[in-house]
Amino acid sequence: MGIAIGAIVLLVTGWVFWQVDDWSRDFTTNHAQLDPAADDPLLRPVLAAESVGQLAARVLSFVETTPHWQVERQRGGPDGTELHLTRTTSLFRYVDDIQVRISPVDGGAQLDAESQSRLGKGDLGQNPRNLKELVRGIDGFPSLQEPR
């Protein structure tokens, strides 16, 4: 019995350490945002050759068809669209809030997003993974930026 418990503890510990993407931030930071200077192209704002409405529809379609994601609030106006999304983690059911802003730009629309954990001091990299999942999920649209 003790060996089984030890094996389970070892597996869970291994899984937690495997989730860490960036040892310098993942234990001490519980938020992430898209940044034009990010090394990872999936963590940069999205520039799309679509209207604000088309890009918002693409985000909503992604959320509606992806497990663990939900639309909490949607607000549109002349300056663009704001979406409040949530994503619930599979294992511990933690909820992260994702704020998405889609603004008009010359020739299309720009998507900026920020993900924030509701609990804890560190996120073990979940918030950057949320943003990457969102960007991957809406990928495939005509882009104003260089190919990824």
N, C-alpha and C. Protein backbone atom coordinates (compact mmCIF):
# COMPACT_ATOMS: atom_id res chain seq x y z
N MET A 1 0.82 -1.19 0.00
CA MET A 1 0.00 0.00 0.00
C MET A 1 0.87 1.26 0.00
N GLY A 2 1.93 1.26 0.81
CA GLY A 2 2.83 2.41 0.88
C GLY A 2 3.51 2.68 -0.44
N ILE A 3 3.86 1.62 -1.16
CA ILE A 3 4.52 1.78 -2.47
C ILE A 3 3.55 2.42 -3.46
N ALA A 4 2.29 2.01 -3.43
CA ALA A 4 1.29 2.58 -4.34
C ALA A 4 1.10 4.07 -4.07
N ILE A 5 1.01 4.44 -2.80
CA ILE A 5 0.85 5.86 -2.46
C ILE A 5 2.08 6.65 -2.88
N GLY A 6 3.26 6.09 -2.63
CA GLY A 6 4.49 6.75 -3.06
C GLY A 6 4.55 6.93 -4.57
N ALA A 7 4.11 5.92 -5.30
CA ALA A 7 4.10 6.00 -6.77
C ALA A 7 3.14 7.09 -7.24
N ILE A 8 1.98 7.18 -6.60
CA ILE A 8 1.01 8.21 -6.98
C ILE A 8 1.57 9.60 -6.69
N VAL A 9 2.17 9.78 -5.53
CA VAL A 9 2.77 11.07 -5.18
C VAL A 9 3.87 11.42 -6.18
N LEU A 10 4.68 10.45 -6.54
CA LEU A 10 5.76 10.68 -7.50
C LEU A 10 5.19 11.06 -8.87
N LEU A 11 4.15 10.38 -9.30
CA LEU A 11 3.53 10.70 -10.59
C LEU A 11 2.93 12.11 -10.60
N VAL A 12 2.22 12.47 -9.54
CA VAL A 12 1.62 13.80 -9.47
C VAL A 12 2.71 14.87 -9.44
N THR A 13 3.75 14.65 -8.65
CA THR A 13 4.87 15.60 -8.58
C THR A 13 5.54 15.74 -9.94
N GLY A 14 5.77 14.62 -10.60
CA GLY A 14 6.36 14.65 -11.94
C GLY A 14 5.49 15.41 -12.92
N TRP A 15 4.17 15.18 -12.83
CA TRP A 15 3.25 15.88 -13.73
C TRP A 15 3.30 17.38 -13.49
N VAL A 16 3.33 17.80 -12.23
CA VAL A 16 3.39 19.23 -11.90
C VAL A 16 4.66 19.85 -12.47
N PHE A 17 5.80 19.21 -12.27
CA PHE A 17 7.05 19.76 -12.78
C PHE A 17 7.10 19.73 -14.30
N TRP A 18 6.44 18.78 -14.93
CA TRP A 18 6.40 18.70 -16.38
C TRP A 18 5.61 19.87 -16.96
N GLN A 19 4.63 20.40 -16.20
CA GLN A 19 3.79 21.51 -16.65
C GLN A 19 4.52 22.85 -16.65
N VAL A 20 5.60 22.95 -15.91
CA VAL A 20 6.31 24.22 -15.79
C VAL A 20 7.03 24.53 -17.10
N ASP A 21 6.66 25.67 -17.71
CA ASP A 21 7.27 26.10 -18.96
C ASP A 21 8.46 27.03 -18.72
N ASP A 22 8.33 27.88 -17.73
CA ASP A 22 9.32 28.91 -17.48
C ASP A 22 9.58 28.96 -15.97
N TRP A 23 10.69 28.38 -15.57
CA TRP A 23 11.00 28.27 -14.14
C TRP A 23 11.16 29.63 -13.47
N SER A 24 11.43 30.68 -14.24
CA SER A 24 11.62 32.00 -13.65
C SER A 24 10.30 32.69 -13.32
N ARG A 25 9.15 32.21 -13.86
CA ARG A 25 7.89 32.90 -13.61
C ARG A 25 6.78 32.00 -13.07
N ASP A 26 6.78 30.73 -13.40
CA ASP A 26 5.60 29.88 -13.19
C ASP A 26 5.24 29.61 -11.73
N PHE A 27 6.17 29.78 -10.80
CA PHE A 27 5.86 29.57 -9.38
C PHE A 27 5.50 30.88 -8.68
N THR A 28 5.74 32.02 -9.34
CA THR A 28 5.55 33.31 -8.68
C THR A 28 4.60 34.25 -9.40
N THR A 29 4.11 33.88 -10.56
CA THR A 29 3.26 34.75 -11.36
C THR A 29 1.97 34.02 -11.71
N ASN A 30 0.84 34.69 -11.52
CA ASN A 30 -0.43 34.04 -11.82
C ASN A 30 -1.24 34.77 -12.90
N HIS A 31 -0.53 35.44 -13.80
CA HIS A 31 -1.20 36.08 -14.93
C HIS A 31 -0.25 36.12 -16.13
N ALA A 32 -0.82 36.31 -17.30
CA ALA A 32 -0.02 36.46 -18.53
C ALA A 32 -0.83 37.31 -19.50
N GLN A 33 -0.14 37.97 -20.40
CA GLN A 33 -0.83 38.74 -21.42
C GLN A 33 -0.06 38.66 -22.73
N LEU A 34 -0.78 38.84 -23.82
CA LEU A 34 -0.13 38.87 -25.12
C LEU A 34 0.74 40.12 -25.17
N ASP A 35 1.95 39.96 -25.71
CA ASP A 35 2.93 41.04 -25.71
C ASP A 35 3.62 41.07 -27.06
N PRO A 36 3.65 42.22 -27.75
CA PRO A 36 4.29 42.29 -29.06
C PRO A 36 5.77 41.88 -29.03
N ALA A 37 6.42 42.00 -27.88
CA ALA A 37 7.85 41.67 -27.76
C ALA A 37 8.09 40.22 -27.32
N ALA A 38 7.04 39.43 -27.17
CA ALA A 38 7.20 38.05 -26.69
C ALA A 38 8.04 37.22 -27.65
N ASP A 39 8.89 36.37 -27.09
CA ASP A 39 9.70 35.47 -27.91
C ASP A 39 8.84 34.46 -28.65
N ASP A 40 7.80 33.98 -28.00
CA ASP A 40 6.91 32.98 -28.58
C ASP A 40 5.84 33.70 -29.42
N PRO A 41 5.76 33.41 -30.71
CA PRO A 41 4.76 34.07 -31.56
C PRO A 41 3.32 33.84 -31.09
N LEU A 42 3.07 32.75 -30.38
CA LEU A 42 1.72 32.48 -29.88
C LEU A 42 1.36 33.34 -28.68
N LEU A 43 2.33 34.10 -28.17
CA LEU A 43 2.07 35.00 -27.04
C LEU A 43 2.11 36.47 -27.47
N ARG A 44 1.96 36.70 -28.77
CA ARG A 44 1.91 38.06 -29.30
C ARG A 44 0.47 38.41 -29.68
N PRO A 45 0.12 39.71 -29.66
CA PRO A 45 -1.22 40.10 -30.13
C PRO A 45 -1.44 39.61 -31.56
N VAL A 46 -2.69 39.33 -31.88
CA VAL A 46 -3.04 38.82 -33.20
C VAL A 46 -3.54 39.97 -34.05
N LEU A 47 -2.95 40.13 -35.22
CA LEU A 47 -3.41 41.10 -36.21
C LEU A 47 -4.07 40.31 -37.33
N ALA A 48 -5.35 40.55 -37.57
CA ALA A 48 -6.09 39.78 -38.56
C ALA A 48 -6.64 40.69 -39.65
N ALA A 49 -6.64 40.18 -40.87
CA ALA A 49 -7.21 40.90 -42.01
C ALA A 49 -8.71 40.62 -42.08
N GLU A 50 -9.37 40.81 -40.95
CA GLU A 50 -10.81 40.60 -40.82
C GLU A 50 -11.38 41.77 -40.04
N SER A 51 -12.69 41.90 -40.06
CA SER A 51 -13.33 42.93 -39.25
C SER A 51 -13.33 42.50 -37.78
N VAL A 52 -13.60 43.46 -36.91
CA VAL A 52 -13.71 43.15 -35.48
C VAL A 52 -14.77 42.08 -35.27
N GLY A 53 -15.92 42.22 -35.93
CA GLY A 53 -17.01 41.26 -35.78
C GLY A 53 -16.63 39.86 -36.24
N GLN A 54 -15.90 39.77 -37.36
CA GLN A 54 -15.48 38.45 -37.86
C GLN A 54 -14.50 37.79 -36.90
N LEU A 55 -13.55 38.57 -36.39
CA LEU A 55 -12.58 38.00 -35.46
C LEU A 55 -13.26 37.61 -34.14
N ALA A 56 -14.19 38.42 -33.67
CA ALA A 56 -14.94 38.07 -32.45
C ALA A 56 -15.73 36.79 -32.67
N ALA A 57 -16.34 36.64 -33.84
CA ALA A 57 -17.09 35.42 -34.14
C ALA A 57 -16.18 34.20 -34.14
N ARG A 58 -14.97 34.37 -34.63
CA ARG A 58 -14.00 33.26 -34.63
C ARG A 58 -13.64 32.87 -33.19
N VAL A 59 -13.43 33.86 -32.33
CA VAL A 59 -13.13 33.57 -30.92
C VAL A 59 -14.31 32.86 -30.27
N LEU A 60 -15.51 33.36 -30.49
CA LEU A 60 -16.70 32.74 -29.89
C LEU A 60 -16.90 31.31 -30.39
N SER A 61 -16.63 31.08 -31.66
CA SER A 61 -16.74 29.72 -32.21
C SER A 61 -15.73 28.79 -31.55
N PHE A 62 -14.51 29.28 -31.35
CA PHE A 62 -13.48 28.49 -30.66
C PHE A 62 -13.95 28.12 -29.26
N VAL A 63 -14.45 29.10 -28.52
CA VAL A 63 -14.87 28.86 -27.13
C VAL A 63 -16.03 27.87 -27.08
N GLU A 64 -16.99 28.03 -27.97
CA GLU A 64 -18.17 27.15 -27.97
C GLU A 64 -17.83 25.71 -28.31
N THR A 65 -16.74 25.49 -29.04
CA THR A 65 -16.40 24.13 -29.48
C THR A 65 -15.23 23.52 -28.72
N THR A 66 -14.72 24.22 -27.71
CA THR A 66 -13.56 23.74 -26.99
C THR A 66 -13.93 23.44 -25.54
N PRO A 67 -13.64 22.22 -25.08
CA PRO A 67 -13.95 21.88 -23.69
C PRO A 67 -13.22 22.80 -22.71
N HIS A 68 -13.83 23.05 -21.59
CA HIS A 68 -13.28 23.81 -20.47
C HIS A 68 -13.31 25.33 -20.67
N TRP A 69 -13.75 25.80 -21.84
CA TRP A 69 -13.84 27.23 -22.11
C TRP A 69 -15.29 27.68 -22.06
N GLN A 70 -15.52 28.92 -21.59
CA GLN A 70 -16.87 29.47 -21.51
C GLN A 70 -16.85 30.97 -21.74
N VAL A 71 -17.91 31.49 -22.34
CA VAL A 71 -18.09 32.93 -22.47
C VAL A 71 -18.88 33.41 -21.26
N GLU A 72 -18.32 34.34 -20.52
CA GLU A 72 -19.00 34.90 -19.35
C GLU A 72 -19.73 36.19 -19.70
N ARG A 73 -19.10 37.00 -20.56
CA ARG A 73 -19.68 38.31 -20.89
C ARG A 73 -19.13 38.75 -22.24
N GLN A 74 -19.97 39.47 -22.96
CA GLN A 74 -19.57 40.00 -24.26
C GLN A 74 -20.11 41.42 -24.37
N ARG A 75 -19.24 42.34 -24.80
CA ARG A 75 -19.66 43.73 -24.95
C ARG A 75 -19.01 44.30 -26.20
N GLY A 76 -19.82 44.92 -27.04
CA GLY A 76 -19.30 45.52 -28.26
C GLY A 76 -19.65 46.98 -28.32
N GLY A 77 -18.84 47.72 -29.05
CA GLY A 77 -19.07 49.14 -29.21
C GLY A 77 -18.27 49.65 -30.39
N PRO A 78 -18.27 50.95 -30.59
CA PRO A 78 -17.56 51.51 -31.74
C PRO A 78 -16.04 51.32 -31.66
N ASP A 79 -15.52 51.12 -30.45
CA ASP A 79 -14.08 50.93 -30.29
C ASP A 79 -13.66 49.47 -30.37
N GLY A 80 -14.62 48.58 -30.56
CA GLY A 80 -14.27 47.16 -30.66
C GLY A 80 -15.15 46.29 -29.79
N THR A 81 -14.66 45.11 -29.52
CA THR A 81 -15.39 44.11 -28.74
C THR A 81 -14.55 43.67 -27.56
N GLU A 82 -15.20 43.49 -26.42
CA GLU A 82 -14.54 42.93 -25.24
C GLU A 82 -15.26 41.65 -24.86
N LEU A 83 -14.48 40.61 -24.58
CA LEU A 83 -15.02 39.32 -24.17
C LEU A 83 -14.39 38.93 -22.85
N HIS A 84 -15.22 38.45 -21.93
CA HIS A 84 -14.71 37.86 -20.70
C HIS A 84 -14.94 36.36 -20.83
N LEU A 85 -13.85 35.61 -20.92
CA LEU A 85 -13.91 34.16 -21.05
C LEU A 85 -13.38 33.53 -19.78
N THR A 86 -13.74 32.29 -19.55
CA THR A 86 -13.12 31.52 -18.48
C THR A 86 -12.66 30.19 -19.04
N ARG A 87 -11.62 29.67 -18.42
CA ARG A 87 -11.14 28.33 -18.73
C ARG A 87 -10.93 27.61 -17.41
N THR A 88 -11.47 26.41 -17.32
CA THR A 88 -11.37 25.60 -16.11
C THR A 88 -10.36 24.49 -16.35
N THR A 89 -9.39 24.36 -15.44
CA THR A 89 -8.38 23.32 -15.61
C THR A 89 -9.00 21.94 -15.39
N SER A 90 -8.43 20.96 -16.05
CA SER A 90 -8.99 19.60 -16.01
C SER A 90 -8.84 18.95 -14.65
N LEU A 91 -7.65 18.99 -14.09
CA LEU A 91 -7.37 18.20 -12.90
C LEU A 91 -7.98 18.79 -11.62
N PHE A 92 -7.66 20.01 -11.30
CA PHE A 92 -8.11 20.61 -10.04
C PHE A 92 -9.32 21.52 -10.19
N ARG A 93 -9.79 21.74 -11.43
CA ARG A 93 -10.97 22.55 -11.71
C ARG A 93 -10.79 24.02 -11.31
N TYR A 94 -9.54 24.52 -11.37
CA TYR A 94 -9.30 25.93 -11.12
C TYR A 94 -9.83 26.73 -12.30
N VAL A 95 -10.35 27.92 -12.02
CA VAL A 95 -10.90 28.77 -13.07
C VAL A 95 -9.97 29.95 -13.30
N ASP A 96 -9.65 30.18 -14.55
CA ASP A 96 -8.85 31.34 -14.95
C ASP A 96 -9.74 32.27 -15.76
N ASP A 97 -9.57 33.57 -15.57
CA ASP A 97 -10.32 34.58 -16.32
C ASP A 97 -9.46 35.07 -17.47
N ILE A 98 -10.04 35.10 -18.67
CA ILE A 98 -9.34 35.58 -19.85
C ILE A 98 -10.11 36.78 -20.39
N GLN A 99 -9.46 37.92 -20.42
CA GLN A 99 -10.05 39.14 -20.96
C GLN A 99 -9.52 39.32 -22.38
N VAL A 100 -10.42 39.42 -23.34
CA VAL A 100 -10.06 39.58 -24.75
C VAL A 100 -10.58 40.92 -25.23
N ARG A 101 -9.72 41.69 -25.89
CA ARG A 101 -10.10 42.96 -26.49
C ARG A 101 -9.78 42.89 -27.98
N ILE A 102 -10.78 43.14 -28.80
CA ILE A 102 -10.59 43.14 -30.25
C ILE A 102 -10.87 44.55 -30.74
N SER A 103 -9.86 45.17 -31.33
CA SER A 103 -9.95 46.58 -31.74
C SER A 103 -9.74 46.70 -33.24
N PRO A 104 -10.39 47.69 -33.85
CA PRO A 104 -10.14 47.92 -35.27
C PRO A 104 -8.75 48.53 -35.48
N VAL A 105 -8.07 48.07 -36.52
CA VAL A 105 -6.80 48.65 -36.95
C VAL A 105 -6.87 48.79 -38.47
N ASP A 106 -5.94 49.53 -39.05
CA ASP A 106 -5.93 49.68 -40.50
C ASP A 106 -5.87 48.32 -41.18
N GLY A 107 -6.86 48.03 -42.00
CA GLY A 107 -6.86 46.78 -42.75
C GLY A 107 -7.39 45.58 -42.00
N GLY A 108 -7.89 45.76 -40.78
CA GLY A 108 -8.39 44.59 -40.06
C GLY A 108 -8.68 44.84 -38.60
N ALA A 109 -8.28 43.87 -37.78
CA ALA A 109 -8.56 43.93 -36.34
C ALA A 109 -7.38 43.37 -35.57
N GLN A 110 -7.23 43.84 -34.34
CA GLN A 110 -6.18 43.34 -33.46
C GLN A 110 -6.81 42.73 -32.22
N LEU A 111 -6.33 41.54 -31.86
CA LEU A 111 -6.79 40.85 -30.65
C LEU A 111 -5.70 40.93 -29.60
N ASP A 112 -6.04 41.48 -28.45
CA ASP A 112 -5.17 41.48 -27.27
C ASP A 112 -5.88 40.67 -26.21
N ALA A 113 -5.13 39.94 -25.40
CA ALA A 113 -5.75 39.12 -24.37
C ALA A 113 -4.86 39.03 -23.14
N GLU A 114 -5.51 38.79 -22.02
CA GLU A 114 -4.83 38.64 -20.73
C GLU A 114 -5.52 37.51 -19.97
N SER A 115 -4.73 36.64 -19.35
CA SER A 115 -5.27 35.53 -18.57
C SER A 115 -4.80 35.68 -17.12
N GLN A 116 -5.73 35.51 -16.18
CA GLN A 116 -5.45 35.71 -14.76
C GLN A 116 -6.05 34.56 -13.96
N SER A 117 -5.24 33.94 -13.10
CA SER A 117 -5.74 32.91 -12.20
C SER A 117 -6.55 33.55 -11.09
N ARG A 118 -7.60 32.88 -10.67
CA ARG A 118 -8.40 33.38 -9.55
C ARG A 118 -7.77 33.03 -8.22
N LEU A 119 -7.02 31.94 -8.18
CA LEU A 119 -6.40 31.47 -6.94
C LEU A 119 -4.90 31.30 -7.10
N GLY A 120 -4.19 31.45 -6.00
CA GLY A 120 -2.77 31.11 -5.98
C GLY A 120 -1.84 32.22 -6.38
N LYS A 121 -0.58 32.01 -6.01
CA LYS A 121 0.47 32.98 -6.31
C LYS A 121 1.15 32.66 -7.64
N GLY A 122 1.26 31.38 -7.96
CA GLY A 122 1.86 30.95 -9.21
C GLY A 122 0.86 30.14 -10.01
N ASP A 123 1.08 30.06 -11.32
CA ASP A 123 0.12 29.35 -12.18
C ASP A 123 0.69 28.11 -12.85
N LEU A 124 1.97 27.79 -12.56
CA LEU A 124 2.65 26.65 -13.20
C LEU A 124 2.56 26.74 -14.72
N GLY A 125 2.47 27.95 -15.24
CA GLY A 125 2.44 28.16 -16.69
C GLY A 125 1.07 28.05 -17.32
N GLN A 126 0.01 27.91 -16.52
CA GLN A 126 -1.33 27.72 -17.10
C GLN A 126 -1.82 28.95 -17.85
N ASN A 127 -1.56 30.15 -17.35
CA ASN A 127 -2.06 31.34 -18.04
C ASN A 127 -1.42 31.53 -19.41
N PRO A 128 -0.10 31.37 -19.57
CA PRO A 128 0.45 31.41 -20.93
C PRO A 128 -0.13 30.30 -21.81
N ARG A 129 -0.36 29.11 -21.23
CA ARG A 129 -0.97 28.03 -22.02
C ARG A 129 -2.38 28.39 -22.45
N ASN A 130 -3.14 29.08 -21.59
CA ASN A 130 -4.48 29.53 -21.97
C ASN A 130 -4.41 30.44 -23.20
N LEU A 131 -3.48 31.39 -23.17
CA LEU A 131 -3.36 32.33 -24.29
C LEU A 131 -2.90 31.62 -25.56
N LYS A 132 -1.97 30.70 -25.43
CA LYS A 132 -1.52 29.94 -26.60
C LYS A 132 -2.66 29.11 -27.19
N GLU A 133 -3.45 28.50 -26.31
CA GLU A 133 -4.59 27.70 -26.78
C GLU A 133 -5.59 28.58 -27.52
N LEU A 134 -5.84 29.78 -27.00
CA LEU A 134 -6.75 30.71 -27.66
C LEU A 134 -6.22 31.11 -29.03
N VAL A 135 -4.95 31.51 -29.10
CA VAL A 135 -4.37 31.94 -30.38
C VAL A 135 -4.35 30.79 -31.38
N ARG A 136 -3.96 29.59 -30.93
CA ARG A 136 -4.00 28.42 -31.82
C ARG A 136 -5.42 28.15 -32.30
N GLY A 137 -6.38 28.32 -31.40
CA GLY A 137 -7.77 28.01 -31.72
C GLY A 137 -8.37 28.93 -32.76
N ILE A 138 -7.87 30.15 -32.86
CA ILE A 138 -8.40 31.08 -33.86
C ILE A 138 -7.46 31.23 -35.04
N ASP A 139 -6.40 30.46 -35.06
CA ASP A 139 -5.43 30.53 -36.15
C ASP A 139 -6.08 30.05 -37.45
N GLY A 140 -5.50 30.42 -38.54
CA GLY A 140 -6.02 30.01 -39.83
C GLY A 140 -6.77 31.13 -40.53
N PHE A 141 -6.94 32.26 -39.86
CA PHE A 141 -7.60 33.40 -40.47
C PHE A 141 -6.57 34.19 -41.28
N PRO A 142 -7.01 35.02 -42.22
CA PRO A 142 -6.07 35.87 -42.94
C PRO A 142 -5.36 36.80 -41.95
N SER A 143 -4.06 36.84 -42.01
CA SER A 143 -3.28 37.59 -41.03
C SER A 143 -2.62 38.80 -41.66
N LEU A 144 -2.49 39.86 -40.88
CA LEU A 144 -1.76 41.05 -41.31
C LEU A 144 -0.29 40.96 -40.96
N GLN A 145 0.08 39.97 -40.15
CA GLN A 145 1.47 39.85 -39.72
C GLN A 145 2.16 38.73 -40.48
N GLU A 146 3.46 38.67 -40.30
CA GLU A 146 4.25 37.62 -40.96
C GLU A 146 3.77 36.25 -40.52
N PRO A 147 3.91 35.24 -41.39
CA PRO A 147 3.50 33.88 -41.00
C PRO A 147 4.26 33.42 -39.77
N ARG A 148 3.60 32.60 -38.96
CA ARG A 148 4.21 32.09 -37.73
C ARG A 148 5.05 30.89 -38.01
